[in-house]
Amino acid sequence: MTEMTISEIKKFLMKSTFTAKLATGFSELFKWATKIARRYMGKENAEVYGRRNSIDGAVLVRIKPTKILAEKDTAAWE
């Protein structure tokens, strides 16, 4: 498998375009942290992880791609 260097990853990201929205308020952070926790930690643990990950100073970045460029054979077998 081919690995990408940090430099190659940066070049790839520079070719892509996207918009980003930042959320810093507790209610927005809690909403999304709980949704993410429900998916990965299960419904019964979602609220606990949602509160834990909605601490003061946390930032949620939501990225919406507007242009995606494909790279051939980035995960090809050698």
N, C-alpha and C. Protein backbone atom coordinates (compact mmCIF):
# COMPACT_ATOMS: atom_id res chain seq x y z
N MET A 1 0.84 -1.18 0.00
CA MET A 1 0.00 0.00 0.00
C MET A 1 0.89 1.25 0.00
N THR A 2 0.52 2.23 -0.77
CA THR A 2 1.27 3.48 -0.86
C THR A 2 0.84 4.41 0.25
N GLU A 3 1.81 4.95 0.97
CA GLU A 3 1.52 5.93 2.02
C GLU A 3 1.82 7.31 1.49
N MET A 4 1.01 8.28 1.95
CA MET A 4 1.22 9.67 1.56
C MET A 4 2.00 10.38 2.65
N THR A 5 2.93 11.21 2.24
CA THR A 5 3.66 12.03 3.20
C THR A 5 2.80 13.23 3.58
N ILE A 6 3.20 13.91 4.63
CA ILE A 6 2.49 15.12 5.06
C ILE A 6 2.47 16.13 3.92
N SER A 7 3.57 16.27 3.22
CA SER A 7 3.66 17.20 2.10
C SER A 7 2.66 16.86 1.01
N GLU A 8 2.55 15.57 0.70
CA GLU A 8 1.60 15.13 -0.34
C GLU A 8 0.15 15.37 0.10
N ILE A 9 -0.13 15.14 1.37
CA ILE A 9 -1.48 15.38 1.89
C ILE A 9 -1.82 16.86 1.79
N LYS A 10 -0.88 17.73 2.13
CA LYS A 10 -1.11 19.18 2.05
C LYS A 10 -1.37 19.60 0.61
N LYS A 11 -0.60 19.06 -0.33
CA LYS A 11 -0.81 19.38 -1.74
C LYS A 11 -2.20 18.95 -2.19
N PHE A 12 -2.63 17.77 -1.75
CA PHE A 12 -3.96 17.27 -2.11
C PHE A 12 -5.04 18.18 -1.55
N LEU A 13 -4.91 18.58 -0.29
CA LEU A 13 -5.91 19.44 0.33
C LEU A 13 -5.94 20.81 -0.34
N MET A 14 -4.80 21.29 -0.80
CA MET A 14 -4.76 22.58 -1.45
C MET A 14 -5.50 22.56 -2.79
N LYS A 15 -5.67 21.38 -3.39
CA LYS A 15 -6.39 21.26 -4.65
C LYS A 15 -7.89 21.24 -4.43
N SER A 16 -8.32 20.92 -3.24
CA SER A 16 -9.75 20.83 -2.93
C SER A 16 -10.24 22.18 -2.42
N THR A 17 -11.53 22.43 -2.60
CA THR A 17 -12.13 23.63 -2.03
C THR A 17 -13.32 23.21 -1.19
N PHE A 18 -13.58 23.98 -0.14
CA PHE A 18 -14.66 23.66 0.76
C PHE A 18 -15.05 24.91 1.55
N THR A 19 -16.24 24.85 2.14
CA THR A 19 -16.64 25.88 3.08
C THR A 19 -16.62 25.25 4.47
N ALA A 20 -16.37 26.06 5.47
CA ALA A 20 -16.31 25.56 6.84
C ALA A 20 -17.14 26.45 7.74
N LYS A 21 -17.85 25.82 8.67
CA LYS A 21 -18.63 26.54 9.67
C LYS A 21 -18.10 26.15 11.04
N LEU A 22 -17.90 27.14 11.88
CA LEU A 22 -17.42 26.90 13.23
C LEU A 22 -18.58 27.02 14.22
N ALA A 23 -18.60 26.12 15.19
CA ALA A 23 -19.57 26.19 16.27
C ALA A 23 -18.80 26.16 17.58
N THR A 24 -19.10 27.11 18.48
CA THR A 24 -18.42 27.16 19.76
C THR A 24 -19.38 27.18 20.94
N GLY A 25 -20.66 27.43 20.69
CA GLY A 25 -21.65 27.48 21.78
C GLY A 25 -22.00 26.09 22.29
N PHE A 26 -22.33 26.01 23.58
CA PHE A 26 -22.61 24.72 24.20
C PHE A 26 -23.74 23.97 23.50
N SER A 27 -24.84 24.64 23.19
CA SER A 27 -26.00 23.93 22.62
C SER A 27 -25.67 23.30 21.26
N GLU A 28 -24.95 24.02 20.43
CA GLU A 28 -24.58 23.47 19.11
C GLU A 28 -23.55 22.34 19.26
N LEU A 29 -22.55 22.55 20.13
CA LEU A 29 -21.56 21.51 20.37
C LEU A 29 -22.22 20.26 20.95
N PHE A 30 -23.10 20.44 21.92
CA PHE A 30 -23.76 19.30 22.56
C PHE A 30 -24.61 18.53 21.55
N LYS A 31 -25.32 19.25 20.71
CA LYS A 31 -26.17 18.60 19.70
C LYS A 31 -25.33 17.68 18.81
N TRP A 32 -24.24 18.22 18.27
CA TRP A 32 -23.42 17.43 17.34
C TRP A 32 -22.59 16.38 18.05
N ALA A 33 -22.06 16.69 19.22
CA ALA A 33 -21.27 15.71 19.97
C ALA A 33 -22.14 14.51 20.36
N THR A 34 -23.40 14.77 20.69
CA THR A 34 -24.31 13.69 21.04
C THR A 34 -24.66 12.84 19.82
N LYS A 35 -24.89 13.48 18.68
CA LYS A 35 -25.17 12.73 17.45
C LYS A 35 -23.98 11.83 17.08
N ILE A 36 -22.79 12.38 17.17
CA ILE A 36 -21.60 11.61 16.83
C ILE A 36 -21.41 10.47 17.83
N ALA A 37 -21.59 10.76 19.11
CA ALA A 37 -21.45 9.73 20.15
C ALA A 37 -22.48 8.62 19.97
N ARG A 38 -23.69 8.98 19.60
CA ARG A 38 -24.74 7.97 19.38
C ARG A 38 -24.31 6.99 18.29
N ARG A 39 -23.68 7.51 17.26
CA ARG A 39 -23.24 6.66 16.15
C ARG A 39 -22.13 5.70 16.57
N TYR A 40 -21.15 6.22 17.31
CA TYR A 40 -19.97 5.41 17.62
C TYR A 40 -19.98 4.76 18.99
N MET A 41 -20.69 5.34 19.96
CA MET A 41 -20.66 4.81 21.32
C MET A 41 -21.97 4.17 21.75
N GLY A 42 -23.00 4.28 20.90
CA GLY A 42 -24.29 3.68 21.21
C GLY A 42 -25.24 4.67 21.86
N LYS A 43 -26.52 4.40 21.71
CA LYS A 43 -27.57 5.30 22.21
C LYS A 43 -27.48 5.50 23.72
N GLU A 44 -27.16 4.41 24.45
CA GLU A 44 -27.14 4.48 25.91
C GLU A 44 -26.00 5.35 26.45
N ASN A 45 -24.94 5.55 25.69
CA ASN A 45 -23.80 6.36 26.14
C ASN A 45 -23.74 7.73 25.48
N ALA A 46 -24.64 8.02 24.57
CA ALA A 46 -24.55 9.24 23.75
C ALA A 46 -24.56 10.52 24.57
N GLU A 47 -25.46 10.64 25.52
CA GLU A 47 -25.56 11.89 26.28
C GLU A 47 -24.32 12.13 27.15
N VAL A 48 -23.80 11.07 27.75
CA VAL A 48 -22.60 11.20 28.59
C VAL A 48 -21.42 11.70 27.76
N TYR A 49 -21.20 11.08 26.60
CA TYR A 49 -20.10 11.51 25.74
C TYR A 49 -20.38 12.88 25.13
N GLY A 50 -21.63 13.16 24.83
CA GLY A 50 -21.99 14.47 24.29
C GLY A 50 -21.64 15.59 25.25
N ARG A 51 -21.95 15.40 26.54
CA ARG A 51 -21.62 16.41 27.54
C ARG A 51 -20.10 16.51 27.74
N ARG A 52 -19.43 15.36 27.77
CA ARG A 52 -17.99 15.34 27.98
C ARG A 52 -17.25 16.06 26.86
N ASN A 53 -17.76 15.97 25.63
CA ASN A 53 -17.09 16.57 24.48
C ASN A 53 -17.61 17.96 24.12
N SER A 54 -18.45 18.54 24.97
CA SER A 54 -18.99 19.88 24.74
C SER A 54 -18.44 20.87 25.75
N ILE A 55 -17.21 20.69 26.14
CA ILE A 55 -16.62 21.53 27.18
C ILE A 55 -16.32 22.93 26.66
N ASP A 56 -16.17 23.85 27.59
CA ASP A 56 -15.82 25.23 27.25
C ASP A 56 -14.48 25.25 26.53
N GLY A 57 -14.42 25.95 25.43
CA GLY A 57 -13.19 26.04 24.65
C GLY A 57 -13.14 25.07 23.48
N ALA A 58 -14.08 24.11 23.44
CA ALA A 58 -14.12 23.17 22.32
C ALA A 58 -14.68 23.87 21.08
N VAL A 59 -14.26 23.42 19.93
CA VAL A 59 -14.73 23.98 18.67
C VAL A 59 -15.12 22.84 17.73
N LEU A 60 -16.25 22.98 17.09
CA LEU A 60 -16.70 22.02 16.09
C LEU A 60 -16.55 22.68 14.73
N VAL A 61 -15.89 22.01 13.81
CA VAL A 61 -15.71 22.52 12.45
C VAL A 61 -16.48 21.60 11.52
N ARG A 62 -17.48 22.15 10.85
CA ARG A 62 -18.27 21.38 9.88
C ARG A 62 -17.82 21.80 8.48
N ILE A 63 -17.32 20.83 7.72
CA ILE A 63 -16.77 21.10 6.39
C ILE A 63 -17.71 20.57 5.32
N LYS A 64 -17.97 21.42 4.33
CA LYS A 64 -18.80 21.03 3.18
C LYS A 64 -17.94 21.19 1.93
N PRO A 65 -17.57 20.07 1.30
CA PRO A 65 -16.76 20.16 0.08
C PRO A 65 -17.53 20.85 -1.05
N THR A 66 -16.84 21.72 -1.78
CA THR A 66 -17.45 22.35 -2.95
C THR A 66 -16.78 21.90 -4.23
N LYS A 67 -15.56 21.36 -4.10
CA LYS A 67 -14.85 20.82 -5.25
C LYS A 67 -13.94 19.71 -4.74
N ILE A 68 -14.07 18.54 -5.33
CA ILE A 68 -13.26 17.40 -4.93
C ILE A 68 -12.51 16.89 -6.13
N LEU A 69 -11.21 16.75 -5.99
CA LEU A 69 -10.37 16.21 -7.06
C LEU A 69 -9.99 14.78 -6.70
N ALA A 70 -10.05 13.91 -7.64
CA ALA A 70 -9.71 12.51 -7.41
C ALA A 70 -8.24 12.28 -7.71
N GLU A 71 -7.67 11.35 -6.98
CA GLU A 71 -6.29 10.93 -7.22
C GLU A 71 -6.32 9.45 -7.58
N LYS A 72 -5.65 9.09 -8.63
CA LYS A 72 -5.62 7.70 -9.10
C LYS A 72 -4.66 6.87 -8.25
N ASP A 73 -5.09 5.69 -7.87
CA ASP A 73 -4.26 4.70 -7.17
C ASP A 73 -3.72 5.15 -5.82
N THR A 74 -4.46 5.95 -5.07
CA THR A 74 -3.96 6.38 -3.76
C THR A 74 -3.98 5.23 -2.76
N ALA A 75 -4.82 4.23 -2.99
CA ALA A 75 -4.88 3.08 -2.08
C ALA A 75 -4.65 1.77 -2.85
N ALA A 76 -3.89 1.84 -3.91
CA ALA A 76 -3.67 0.67 -4.75
C ALA A 76 -2.69 -0.29 -4.09
N TRP A 77 -2.85 -1.55 -4.41
CA TRP A 77 -1.91 -2.58 -3.96
C TRP A 77 -0.69 -2.52 -4.85
N GLU A 78 0.45 -2.73 -4.24
CA GLU A 78 1.68 -2.71 -5.03
C GLU A 78 1.95 -4.06 -5.62
